[in-house]
């Protein structure tokens, strides 16, 4: 590796063994872990200018010949190889400022569109943690419209991998993004928004003035919709504009039913929730399945939630007390001590079912702020594995039953998923590589504690879906069962449109080599012919 340039405000340290949070990427040697701002920053505009100078120097270094791939990390939560680094890691944590967009910079068309929902555009720098964002918005009586199941990720990584939730009316987190500010090279930045502008050119000028980076103001649908789920491959995500809404609380009910309860299956298939609760039009609907639940016992837990005005002033979550980590992290955390005690294989299914029943209870869900309900995870580092598939909602019933049957068959073969199944529903996106491309989409997650059997179990599920002729894709940030052919079949012309947008944003092979990663190479999404480390 070539010597690094002088970086006045950025620390650079070698790491002998770098790992992602879940250790699906483990013990990678990293020559330079770069942390801008770690050496201290002057106050105000001088600090922003110092950061821009160091970022320019880093990008110029990486784009020299031969190019050096730059891995920009979020919270290290992704389980796919999107985070597999080469020699250089950039930690963007210093970019963590939040500020409302000046109302004078909003177009009249956007104002008219946002008024019924009380939309408030907020600039969120890419290194901002979701919990920090929730707390900031809450103090101003605002909230995110959609969320992942927990709050530890950073906003840039959150949207880059398509993080979602189960909001029946809004979409995934990336569907609440109104604009994106990308740094694509030394002193080269672009502010992206749709062709039907939400913002005047004053916002792009504000970014340029604040960062000292030459900034283009681009209103282009394909470029914007490519950047909403960018897979870390379209540039450095400096900031995003998120539309917040007036603060609300979530309240509703969890229903515990047998695994094959026909009312629950009817709701999954139709999204008509009246068989479970007569109240119309819930905002959130999720189901957790316990695939090893004994016949006649509770084996599925359906939760319906409605938004309501706050009944109290905003308070943030207590540490590690999320009300409902719908990615099943509470269940996985509870399983760790009992599995570590060495359960005989024949009892593992019973223990998993028992722990699931203890973690998910029927009854009312008291009003909770979204930042509390989707709050901190309790899963320790290095213990989790997970895959999540996404299907057209028309295939929801067949896909969920296929996965349950496969996991039960794997259990009978003494390969047990050490977790449950989470099922969520998300409406359509315009993001080119957003997983929620159908009118309604069903996400089916099967997380587990790490075990020697997890990879084989994931593969068995993917193979079973293919055998059943159920088209699916996988969550970009989880363990992956796709290849270039299957991505093309699922996303259609969106793949080529995304690649074209990437070439427009990163027009040189060097730039595309810098903003690459093993996932997009594996899936044929990287059009650069250059060889990367």
Protein backbone atom coordinates (compact mmCIF):
# COMPACT_ATOMS: atom_id res chain seq x y z
CA UNK A 1 0.00 0.00 0.00
CA UNK A 2 1.26 3.48 -0.90
CA UNK A 3 2.04 5.92 1.95
CA UNK A 4 -0.98 8.01 2.94
CA UNK A 5 -1.02 11.79 2.49
CA UNK A 6 -0.83 14.13 5.46
CA UNK A 7 -4.27 14.27 7.09
CA UNK A 8 -4.32 17.05 9.69
CA UNK A 9 -7.64 16.18 11.39
CA UNK A 10 -7.87 12.45 10.59
CA UNK A 11 -6.34 9.63 12.58
CA UNK A 12 -4.98 6.60 10.72
CA UNK A 13 -4.40 3.31 12.47
CA UNK A 14 -3.66 -0.22 11.29
CA UNK A 15 -6.00 -2.93 12.53
CA UNK A 16 -4.69 -6.48 12.55
CA UNK A 17 -8.13 -8.12 12.81
CA UNK A 18 -11.19 -6.05 11.87
CA UNK A 19 -14.65 -7.68 12.09
CA UNK A 20 -18.23 -6.68 11.39
CA UNK A 21 -20.64 -6.57 14.33
CA UNK A 22 -21.98 -10.07 13.69
CA UNK A 23 -18.54 -11.41 12.65
CA UNK A 24 -19.83 -12.63 9.29
CA UNK A 25 -16.80 -10.63 8.11
CA UNK A 26 -14.07 -11.55 10.58
CA UNK A 27 -10.42 -10.87 11.31
CA UNK A 28 -9.63 -8.81 8.22
CA UNK A 29 -6.26 -6.99 8.29
CA UNK A 30 -6.78 -3.29 7.55
CA UNK A 31 -3.76 -1.14 6.83
CA UNK A 32 -5.47 2.21 7.45
CA UNK A 33 -8.55 2.79 9.59
CA UNK A 34 -9.30 6.46 8.95
CA UNK A 35 -11.33 8.48 11.45
CA UNK A 36 -11.81 12.09 10.28
CA UNK A 37 -12.12 14.52 13.16
CA UNK A 38 -10.36 12.23 15.63
CA UNK A 39 -7.42 14.64 15.88
CA UNK A 40 -9.76 17.47 16.82
CA UNK A 41 -11.58 20.11 14.81
CA UNK A 42 -11.67 23.88 14.90
CA UNK A 43 -15.14 25.24 15.65
CA UNK A 44 -17.81 26.09 13.11
CA UNK A 45 -17.08 26.61 9.43
CA UNK A 46 -13.36 26.08 9.89
CA UNK A 47 -14.04 22.55 11.14
CA UNK A 48 -16.23 21.73 8.14
CA UNK A 49 -13.52 23.07 5.81
CA UNK A 50 -10.88 20.96 7.57
CA UNK A 51 -12.99 17.85 7.15
CA UNK A 52 -13.50 18.63 3.47
CA UNK A 53 -9.75 19.03 2.94
CA UNK A 54 -9.00 15.67 4.56
CA UNK A 55 -11.84 13.95 2.66
CA UNK A 56 -10.51 15.41 -0.60
CA UNK A 57 -7.04 14.14 0.22
CA UNK A 58 -8.36 10.66 1.04
CA UNK A 59 -10.32 10.46 -2.21
CA UNK A 60 -7.41 11.79 -4.28
CA UNK A 61 -5.17 9.16 -2.71
CA UNK A 62 -7.66 6.35 -3.37
CA UNK A 63 -8.26 7.43 -6.98
CA UNK A 64 -4.57 7.53 -7.89
CA UNK A 65 -3.03 4.75 -9.97
CA UNK A 66 -3.51 2.02 -8.92
CA UNK A 67 -6.81 2.87 -7.21
CA UNK A 68 -7.42 1.88 -3.59
CA UNK A 69 -10.89 0.62 -2.68
CA UNK A 70 -12.49 2.68 0.10
CA UNK A 71 -14.80 0.89 2.54
CA UNK A 72 -17.01 3.43 4.32
CA UNK A 73 -18.57 1.74 7.33
CA UNK A 74 -21.81 2.46 9.10
CA UNK A 75 -22.46 0.72 12.40
CA UNK A 76 -20.91 -2.54 11.09
CA UNK A 77 -24.36 -4.23 11.31
CA UNK A 78 -24.59 -5.57 7.77
CA UNK A 79 -24.18 -9.33 7.52
CA UNK A 80 -23.50 -9.44 3.77
CA UNK A 81 -20.08 -8.94 2.20
CA UNK A 82 -20.95 -5.33 1.39
CA UNK A 83 -18.71 -4.48 4.38
CA UNK A 84 -15.74 -6.66 3.46
CA UNK A 85 -12.86 -4.16 3.44
CA UNK A 86 -9.59 -3.93 1.58
CA UNK A 87 -6.72 -1.75 2.84
CA UNK A 88 -8.67 1.40 3.76
CA UNK A 89 -11.71 1.88 6.01
CA UNK A 90 -13.32 5.30 6.42
CA UNK A 91 -15.30 5.86 9.62
CA UNK A 92 -17.82 8.68 8.94
CA UNK A 93 -18.93 9.14 12.55
CA UNK A 94 -17.86 12.79 12.68
CA UNK A 95 -20.50 13.64 10.07
CA UNK A 96 -23.36 13.59 12.57
CA UNK A 97 -25.07 16.98 12.37
CA UNK A 98 -28.85 17.43 12.02
CA UNK A 99 -30.67 20.59 10.94
CA UNK A 100 -34.05 21.46 9.44
CA UNK A 101 -34.13 22.68 5.85
CA UNK A 102 -34.88 26.38 5.48
CA UNK A 103 -38.54 26.65 4.49
CA UNK A 104 -37.60 29.23 1.84
CA UNK A 105 -35.77 26.49 -0.07
CA UNK A 106 -38.84 24.27 -0.51
CA UNK A 107 -40.67 24.29 -3.81
CA UNK A 108 -44.34 25.18 -3.77
CA UNK A 109 -45.19 21.78 -5.24
CA UNK A 110 -43.44 20.01 -2.38
CA UNK A 111 -45.07 22.26 0.23
CA UNK A 112 -48.53 21.39 -1.13
CA UNK A 113 -47.72 17.67 -1.22
CA UNK A 114 -46.22 17.54 2.30
CA UNK A 115 -48.81 19.68 4.06
CA UNK A 116 -51.44 16.94 4.67
CA UNK A 117 -48.90 14.74 6.49
CA UNK A 118 -47.05 17.60 8.18
CA UNK A 119 -43.81 16.69 6.42
CA UNK A 120 -40.68 18.47 7.65
CA UNK A 121 -37.46 18.03 5.61
CA UNK A 122 -34.42 17.52 7.83
CA UNK A 123 -30.75 17.40 6.78
CA UNK A 124 -29.12 14.40 8.45
CA UNK A 125 -25.41 13.84 7.93
CA UNK A 126 -24.56 10.29 6.87
CA UNK A 127 -22.72 9.24 10.03
CA UNK A 128 -25.68 10.03 12.28
CA UNK A 129 -26.88 7.18 14.47
CA UNK A 130 -30.62 6.39 14.23
CA UNK A 131 -31.06 6.59 17.99
CA UNK A 132 -29.47 10.04 17.99
CA UNK A 133 -31.79 11.05 15.16
CA UNK A 134 -34.87 9.73 16.99
CA UNK A 135 -33.95 11.68 20.12
CA UNK A 136 -33.23 14.87 18.18
CA UNK A 137 -36.52 14.72 16.32
CA UNK A 138 -38.44 13.79 19.46
CA UNK A 139 -37.31 16.92 21.27
CA UNK A 140 -38.88 18.93 18.43
CA UNK A 141 -42.07 16.85 18.48
CA UNK A 142 -41.12 15.09 15.24
CA UNK A 143 -40.46 11.47 14.30
CA UNK A 144 -39.22 9.27 11.49
CA UNK A 145 -42.00 7.76 9.40
CA UNK A 146 -40.40 4.30 9.10
CA UNK A 147 -37.67 2.45 10.95
CA UNK A 148 -35.71 -0.72 11.07
CA UNK A 149 -36.33 -3.00 14.02
CA UNK A 150 -33.55 -1.48 16.13
CA UNK A 151 -31.79 1.86 16.33
CA UNK A 152 -28.03 1.24 16.28
CA UNK A 153 -27.37 1.79 12.57
CA UNK A 154 -26.24 5.01 10.91
CA UNK A 155 -28.54 6.71 8.42
CA UNK A 156 -26.28 6.29 5.36
CA UNK A 157 -25.86 2.54 5.92
CA UNK A 158 -29.53 2.24 6.83
CA UNK A 159 -30.73 3.46 3.44
CA UNK A 160 -27.81 2.02 1.46
CA UNK A 161 -28.92 -1.54 2.24
CA UNK A 162 -32.69 -0.98 2.05
CA UNK A 163 -33.51 -1.13 5.78
CA UNK A 164 -37.26 -1.22 6.23
CA UNK A 165 -39.83 -2.00 8.90
CA UNK A 166 -43.44 -3.03 8.49
CA UNK A 167 -45.27 0.21 7.79
CA UNK A 168 -48.22 -0.65 5.56
CA UNK A 169 -48.66 2.90 4.26
CA UNK A 170 -45.23 4.53 3.96
CA UNK A 171 -42.59 2.12 2.69
CA UNK A 172 -39.01 1.53 3.79
CA UNK A 173 -36.67 4.11 5.31
CA UNK A 174 -35.31 5.05 1.87
CA UNK A 175 -38.84 5.94 0.77
CA UNK A 176 -38.83 8.87 3.22
CA UNK A 177 -35.65 10.35 1.70
CA UNK A 178 -36.18 13.57 -0.30
CA UNK A 179 -32.62 14.33 -1.39
CA UNK A 180 -29.07 12.97 -1.12
CA UNK A 181 -25.73 14.79 -1.00
CA UNK A 182 -22.93 12.63 -2.44
CA UNK A 183 -19.21 13.30 -2.62
CA UNK A 184 -18.00 11.51 -5.75
CA UNK A 185 -14.36 12.61 -5.93
CA UNK A 186 -11.87 15.23 -4.74
CA UNK A 187 -13.81 18.51 -4.62
CA UNK A 188 -16.66 16.87 -6.54
CA UNK A 189 -20.10 16.64 -4.98
CA UNK A 190 -23.66 16.37 -6.22
CA UNK A 191 -27.00 17.09 -4.60
CA UNK A 192 -29.60 14.68 -6.01
CA UNK A 193 -33.36 15.05 -5.96
CA UNK A 194 -36.22 13.94 -8.26
CA UNK A 195 -36.96 15.73 -11.51
CA UNK A 196 -40.07 17.16 -9.82
CA UNK A 197 -37.99 19.22 -7.46
CA UNK A 198 -38.60 19.33 -3.73
CA UNK A 199 -35.93 22.01 -3.22
CA UNK A 200 -34.68 25.13 -4.94
CA UNK A 201 -31.04 25.43 -6.00
CA UNK A 202 -30.42 27.32 -2.74
CA UNK A 203 -30.09 24.01 -0.87
CA UNK A 204 -27.29 22.77 -3.14
CA UNK A 205 -25.59 26.15 -2.72
CA UNK A 206 -25.96 25.81 1.07
CA UNK A 207 -24.20 22.46 0.93
CA UNK A 208 -21.42 23.94 -1.19
CA UNK A 209 -20.98 26.90 1.15
CA UNK A 210 -20.91 24.66 4.21
CA UNK A 211 -18.57 21.99 2.89
CA UNK A 212 -16.40 24.07 0.50
CA UNK A 213 -16.91 21.25 -2.05
CA UNK A 214 -17.85 22.14 -5.63
CA UNK A 215 -21.46 20.95 -5.82
CA UNK A 216 -23.74 20.19 -8.76
CA UNK A 217 -27.49 20.54 -8.29
CA UNK A 218 -29.04 17.59 -10.18
CA UNK A 219 -32.76 16.83 -10.47
CA UNK A 220 -32.87 13.43 -12.18
CA UNK A 221 -35.19 10.57 -11.32
CA UNK A 222 -32.94 7.63 -12.15
CA UNK A 223 -29.86 9.11 -10.49
CA UNK A 224 -31.84 9.96 -7.37
CA UNK A 225 -33.60 6.59 -7.27
CA UNK A 226 -30.28 4.80 -7.72
CA UNK A 227 -28.78 6.71 -4.80
CA UNK A 228 -31.68 5.90 -2.44
CA UNK A 229 -30.36 2.30 -2.22
CA UNK A 230 -26.76 2.86 -3.27
CA UNK A 231 -25.10 -0.25 -1.79
CA UNK A 232 -22.14 1.92 -0.80
CA UNK A 233 -21.18 2.16 -4.47
CA UNK A 234 -22.20 5.62 -5.73
CA UNK A 235 -19.96 7.87 -3.67
CA UNK A 236 -19.53 9.05 -0.09
CA UNK A 237 -22.94 9.78 1.45
CA UNK A 238 -22.31 13.09 3.18
CA UNK A 239 -25.96 13.87 4.01
CA UNK A 240 -29.50 12.84 3.29
CA UNK A 241 -32.72 14.86 3.50
CA UNK A 242 -35.26 12.84 5.46
CA UNK A 243 -38.90 13.81 5.72
CA UNK A 244 -39.94 13.77 9.37
CA UNK A 245 -43.57 13.99 10.49
CA UNK A 246 -45.32 15.15 13.67
CA UNK A 247 -44.46 13.00 16.69
CA UNK A 248 -46.73 10.03 17.29
CA UNK A 249 -47.00 6.98 19.49
CA UNK A 250 -47.74 3.39 18.50
CA UNK A 251 -50.38 1.35 20.30
CA UNK A 252 -52.24 -1.84 19.48
CA UNK A 253 -52.38 -5.54 20.27
CA UNK A 254 -50.36 -8.74 19.95
CA UNK A 255 -52.32 -11.92 19.25
CA UNK A 256 -50.87 -15.34 20.08
CA UNK A 257 -52.23 -18.16 17.94
CA UNK A 258 -51.23 -21.70 16.87
CA UNK A 259 -48.68 -21.99 14.10
CA UNK A 260 -51.27 -22.85 11.43
CA UNK A 261 -54.05 -20.56 12.68
CA UNK A 262 -56.23 -19.80 9.68
CA UNK A 263 -57.14 -16.28 10.80
CA UNK A 264 -53.48 -15.26 10.85
CA UNK A 265 -52.85 -16.85 7.47
CA UNK A 266 -55.89 -15.05 6.06
CA UNK A 267 -54.52 -11.71 7.28
CA UNK A 268 -51.07 -12.47 5.82
CA UNK A 269 -52.67 -13.27 2.47
CA UNK A 270 -55.16 -10.39 2.31
CA UNK A 271 -53.90 -7.76 4.79
CA UNK A 272 -57.52 -7.56 5.93
CA UNK A 273 -56.88 -7.50 9.68
CA UNK A 274 -60.52 -7.57 10.78
CA UNK A 275 -60.37 -11.25 11.77
CA UNK A 276 -57.87 -10.29 14.45
CA UNK A 277 -59.07 -6.80 15.43
CA UNK A 278 -62.15 -4.85 14.29
CA UNK A 279 -60.30 -1.53 14.30
CA UNK A 280 -59.66 -0.55 10.66
CA UNK A 281 -56.49 0.31 8.82
CA UNK A 282 -53.53 -0.41 11.11
CA UNK A 283 -50.29 1.37 10.32
CA UNK A 284 -48.00 -1.56 11.21
CA UNK A 285 -48.53 -5.33 10.95
CA UNK A 286 -45.94 -7.99 11.75
CA UNK A 287 -45.97 -11.70 12.52
CA UNK A 288 -43.36 -13.73 14.39
CA UNK A 289 -43.47 -17.49 13.81
CA UNK A 290 -41.99 -20.14 16.06
CA UNK A 291 -41.34 -22.95 13.54
CA UNK A 292 -40.77 -25.65 16.18
CA UNK A 293 -43.86 -24.87 18.31
CA UNK A 294 -45.71 -28.07 19.34
CA UNK A 295 -49.08 -28.72 17.76
CA UNK A 296 -51.86 -26.85 19.53
CA UNK A 297 -49.58 -24.44 21.37
CA UNK A 298 -48.98 -20.82 20.46
CA UNK A 299 -46.69 -20.71 17.47
CA UNK A 300 -47.32 -17.33 15.87
CA UNK A 301 -47.56 -13.84 17.29
CA UNK A 302 -49.30 -11.22 15.16
CA UNK A 303 -48.98 -7.56 16.14
CA UNK A 304 -51.16 -4.71 14.87
CA UNK A 305 -50.20 -1.12 15.67
CA UNK A 306 -51.91 2.20 15.07
CA UNK A 307 -50.37 5.65 15.19
CA UNK A 308 -51.92 8.04 17.68
CA UNK A 309 -51.15 11.53 19.01
CA UNK A 310 -48.68 11.47 21.92
CA UNK A 311 -50.19 11.00 25.36
CA UNK A 312 -47.08 12.38 27.11
CA UNK A 313 -43.97 14.44 26.38
CA UNK A 314 -41.26 12.69 24.39
CA UNK A 315 -38.85 10.41 26.25
CA UNK A 316 -36.18 8.28 24.63
CA UNK A 317 -35.66 4.55 25.24
CA UNK A 318 -33.75 3.13 28.16
CA UNK A 319 -30.64 1.18 27.11
CA UNK A 320 -31.35 -2.34 25.82
CA UNK A 321 -35.06 -2.27 26.54
CA UNK A 322 -36.62 -2.20 23.10
CA UNK A 323 -40.30 -3.04 23.31
CA UNK A 324 -40.34 -5.19 20.21
CA UNK A 325 -37.17 -5.84 18.26
CA UNK A 326 -38.98 -7.34 15.31
CA UNK A 327 -35.72 -8.74 14.02
CA UNK A 328 -36.06 -11.15 16.97
CA UNK A 329 -32.93 -9.94 18.78
CA UNK A 330 -34.65 -10.32 22.14
CA UNK A 331 -35.27 -13.97 21.36
CA UNK A 332 -31.71 -14.55 20.20
CA UNK A 333 -30.34 -12.86 23.31
CA UNK A 334 -32.49 -15.06 25.52
CA UNK A 335 -31.29 -18.18 23.73
CA UNK A 336 -27.58 -17.50 24.24
CA UNK A 337 -27.27 -18.75 27.84
CA UNK A 338 -29.43 -21.85 27.36
CA UNK A 339 -27.72 -22.90 24.14
CA UNK A 340 -24.32 -22.24 25.66
CA UNK A 341 -25.22 -24.70 28.41
CA UNK A 342 -25.10 -27.51 25.86
CA UNK A 343 -28.63 -28.72 25.09
CA UNK A 344 -28.86 -32.19 23.56
CA UNK A 345 -29.79 -31.86 19.86
CA UNK A 346 -33.15 -33.56 20.28
CA UNK A 347 -34.28 -30.86 22.70
CA UNK A 348 -33.14 -27.82 20.75
CA UNK A 349 -36.42 -27.33 18.90
CA UNK A 350 -38.36 -27.51 22.17
CA UNK A 351 -36.08 -24.95 23.81
CA UNK A 352 -36.32 -22.53 20.89
CA UNK A 353 -40.12 -22.81 20.95
CA UNK A 354 -40.21 -22.32 24.72
CA UNK A 355 -37.99 -19.24 24.60
CA UNK A 356 -40.07 -17.75 21.79
CA UNK A 357 -43.23 -18.19 23.85
CA UNK A 358 -41.54 -16.43 26.79
CA UNK A 359 -40.43 -13.48 24.68
CA UNK A 360 -43.68 -12.83 22.78
CA UNK A 361 -46.84 -12.42 24.81
CA UNK A 362 -50.41 -11.80 23.77
CA UNK A 363 -51.99 -8.62 24.98
CA UNK A 364 -52.23 -4.87 24.46
CA UNK A 365 -49.24 -2.84 23.33
CA UNK A 366 -49.14 0.31 25.44
CA UNK A 367 -48.46 3.60 23.66
CA UNK A 368 -44.77 3.86 22.79
CA UNK A 369 -42.83 6.41 20.81
CA UNK A 370 -41.41 4.86 17.62
CA UNK A 371 -37.86 5.49 18.83
CA UNK A 372 -38.62 3.42 21.92
CA UNK A 373 -40.63 0.64 20.29
CA UNK A 374 -37.91 0.19 17.67
CA UNK A 375 -35.14 0.83 20.16
CA UNK A 376 -31.84 -0.68 21.29
CA UNK A 377 -30.91 -4.25 20.51
CA UNK A 378 -29.81 -6.60 23.27
CA UNK A 379 -27.85 -8.93 21.00
CA UNK A 380 -24.14 -9.08 21.91
CA UNK A 381 -21.54 -8.63 19.21
CA UNK A 382 -20.61 -11.72 17.22
CA UNK A 383 -23.61 -13.91 18.06
CA UNK A 384 -26.05 -13.28 15.21
CA UNK A 385 -26.61 -14.71 11.74
CA UNK A 386 -29.53 -13.87 9.50
CA UNK A 387 -30.98 -13.98 6.03
CA UNK A 388 -34.13 -12.26 4.82
CA UNK A 389 -35.99 -12.91 1.59
CA UNK A 390 -38.46 -10.58 -0.09
CA UNK A 391 -41.35 -11.71 -2.29
CA UNK A 392 -44.29 -10.16 -4.07
CA UNK A 393 -47.11 -10.09 -1.53
CA UNK A 394 -49.15 -12.24 -3.94
CA UNK A 395 -46.73 -15.05 -3.02
CA UNK A 396 -46.69 -14.34 0.71
CA UNK A 397 -48.65 -17.35 1.94
CA UNK A 398 -46.78 -19.83 -0.26
CA UNK A 399 -43.38 -18.35 0.62
CA UNK A 400 -43.91 -18.28 4.39
CA UNK A 401 -45.25 -21.84 4.44
CA UNK A 402 -42.36 -23.03 2.27
CA UNK A 403 -39.88 -21.50 4.73
CA UNK A 404 -41.61 -22.98 7.79
CA UNK A 405 -41.72 -26.43 6.16
CA UNK A 406 -38.05 -26.17 5.21
CA UNK A 407 -36.95 -25.15 8.69
CA UNK A 408 -38.93 -28.00 10.20
CA UNK A 409 -37.36 -30.45 7.76
CA UNK A 410 -33.92 -29.10 8.63
CA UNK A 411 -34.73 -29.52 12.32
CA UNK A 412 -35.73 -33.13 11.73
CA UNK A 413 -32.29 -33.55 10.14
CA UNK A 414 -30.77 -32.15 13.38
CA UNK A 415 -29.99 -28.76 11.85
CA UNK A 416 -31.96 -26.26 13.90
CA UNK A 417 -32.48 -22.59 13.25
CA UNK A 418 -31.69 -21.04 16.63
CA UNK A 419 -34.31 -18.34 16.25
CA UNK A 420 -37.70 -17.61 14.71
CA UNK A 421 -39.24 -16.12 11.59
CA UNK A 422 -40.24 -12.47 11.26
CA UNK A 423 -42.76 -11.48 8.56
CA UNK A 424 -43.29 -7.84 7.57
CA UNK A 425 -45.07 -5.92 4.83
CA UNK A 426 -43.84 -2.88 2.90
CA UNK A 427 -45.46 -1.04 -0.04
CA UNK A 428 -43.77 -0.10 -3.30
CA UNK A 429 -40.66 1.99 -3.81
CA UNK A 430 -39.22 4.00 -6.68
CA UNK A 431 -35.68 3.18 -5.55
CA UNK A 432 -34.15 1.22 -8.44
CA UNK A 433 -32.66 -1.48 -6.22
CA UNK A 434 -35.12 -1.16 -3.38
CA UNK A 435 -36.26 -4.65 -2.43
CA UNK A 436 -39.86 -3.43 -2.14
CA UNK A 437 -40.47 -3.06 -5.86
CA UNK A 438 -43.95 -4.66 -6.01
CA UNK A 439 -47.21 -2.93 -5.13
CA UNK A 440 -46.97 -4.70 -1.74
CA UNK A 441 -44.01 -6.77 -0.58
CA UNK A 442 -43.55 -9.45 2.05
CA UNK A 443 -40.23 -9.63 3.89
CA UNK A 444 -39.46 -12.94 5.62
CA UNK A 445 -36.48 -12.93 7.97
CA UNK A 446 -35.05 -16.03 9.65
CA UNK A 447 -32.33 -14.90 12.06
CA UNK A 448 -30.42 -17.28 14.26
CA UNK A 449 -27.64 -17.54 16.74
CA UNK A 450 -24.46 -18.46 14.95
CA UNK A 451 -23.98 -22.20 14.57
CA UNK A 452 -22.19 -24.63 12.29
CA UNK A 453 -25.53 -25.34 10.57
CA UNK A 454 -26.66 -21.79 9.79
CA UNK A 455 -25.21 -21.58 6.29
CA UNK A 456 -26.73 -24.93 5.30
CA UNK A 457 -30.12 -23.83 6.69
CA UNK A 458 -30.05 -20.58 4.70
CA UNK A 459 -29.16 -22.46 1.52
CA UNK A 460 -31.96 -24.97 2.14
CA UNK A 461 -34.49 -22.13 2.36
CA UNK A 462 -33.25 -20.44 -0.83
CA UNK A 463 -33.26 -23.77 -2.68
CA UNK A 464 -36.77 -24.60 -1.48
CA UNK A 465 -38.14 -21.26 -2.72
CA UNK A 466 -36.56 -21.82 -6.12
CA UNK A 467 -37.94 -25.36 -6.29
CA UNK A 468 -41.40 -23.98 -5.48
CA UNK A 469 -41.00 -21.40 -8.30
CA UNK A 470 -41.41 -18.49 -5.90
CA UNK A 471 -39.40 -15.47 -7.17
CA UNK A 472 -37.49 -13.76 -4.38
CA UNK A 473 -34.63 -11.46 -3.63
CA UNK A 474 -32.56 -11.08 -0.46
CA UNK A 475 -31.99 -8.17 1.91
CA UNK A 476 -28.83 -6.38 0.76
CA UNK A 477 -27.54 -6.10 4.31
CA UNK A 478 -28.04 -9.75 5.29
CA UNK A 479 -26.57 -13.07 4.19
CA UNK A 480 -27.11 -13.44 0.50
CA UNK A 481 -28.49 -16.17 -1.75
CA UNK A 482 -28.49 -14.37 -5.10
CA UNK A 483 -26.27 -14.12 -8.17
CA UNK A 484 -26.15 -11.81 -11.18
CA UNK A 485 -28.73 -13.84 -13.09
CA UNK A 486 -31.25 -13.96 -10.24
CA UNK A 487 -30.81 -10.24 -9.51
CA UNK A 488 -31.53 -9.50 -13.17
CA UNK A 489 -34.61 -11.71 -13.15
CA UNK A 490 -36.03 -10.06 -10.02
CA UNK A 491 -35.22 -6.39 -10.65
CA UNK A 492 -35.53 -6.39 -14.45
CA UNK A 493 -34.42 -3.21 -16.23
CA UNK A 494 -33.82 -1.52 -12.88
CA UNK A 495 -30.40 -3.21 -12.78
CA UNK A 496 -29.16 -1.57 -15.99
CA UNK A 497 -30.71 1.75 -15.01
CA UNK A 498 -28.86 1.62 -11.66
CA UNK A 499 -25.58 0.75 -13.39
CA UNK A 500 -26.09 3.59 -15.88
CA UNK A 501 -26.74 6.02 -13.05
CA UNK A 502 -23.58 4.79 -11.34
CA UNK A 503 -21.52 5.47 -14.46
CA UNK A 504 -23.00 8.97 -14.71
CA UNK A 505 -22.13 9.71 -11.08
CA UNK A 506 -18.73 7.97 -11.23
CA UNK A 507 -17.63 8.43 -14.85
CA UNK A 508 -14.07 7.09 -14.51
CA UNK A 509 -12.95 3.50 -13.88
CA UNK A 510 -10.83 4.77 -10.98
CA UNK A 511 -13.83 6.33 -9.24
CA UNK A 512 -15.90 3.17 -9.68
CA UNK A 513 -13.04 1.06 -8.35
CA UNK A 514 -12.80 3.24 -5.23
CA UNK A 515 -16.54 3.00 -4.51
CA UNK A 516 -16.88 -0.74 -5.04
CA UNK A 517 -17.30 -3.73 -2.74
CA UNK A 518 -17.37 -7.52 -3.03
CA UNK A 519 -21.18 -7.68 -3.04
CA UNK A 520 -21.68 -5.60 -6.16
CA UNK A 521 -18.83 -7.40 -7.92
CA UNK A 522 -20.39 -10.77 -7.04
CA UNK A 523 -23.74 -9.66 -8.42
CA UNK A 524 -22.47 -8.12 -11.65
CA UNK A 525 -23.40 -4.60 -10.58
CA UNK A 526 -19.86 -3.24 -10.96
CA UNK A 527 -19.18 -2.17 -14.52
CA UNK A 528 -15.58 -1.22 -13.83
CA UNK A 529 -13.08 -3.46 -15.62
CA UNK A 530 -10.34 -2.57 -13.17
CA UNK A 531 -8.95 -5.11 -10.76
CA UNK A 532 -9.49 -4.36 -7.10
CA UNK A 533 -7.75 -5.65 -4.03
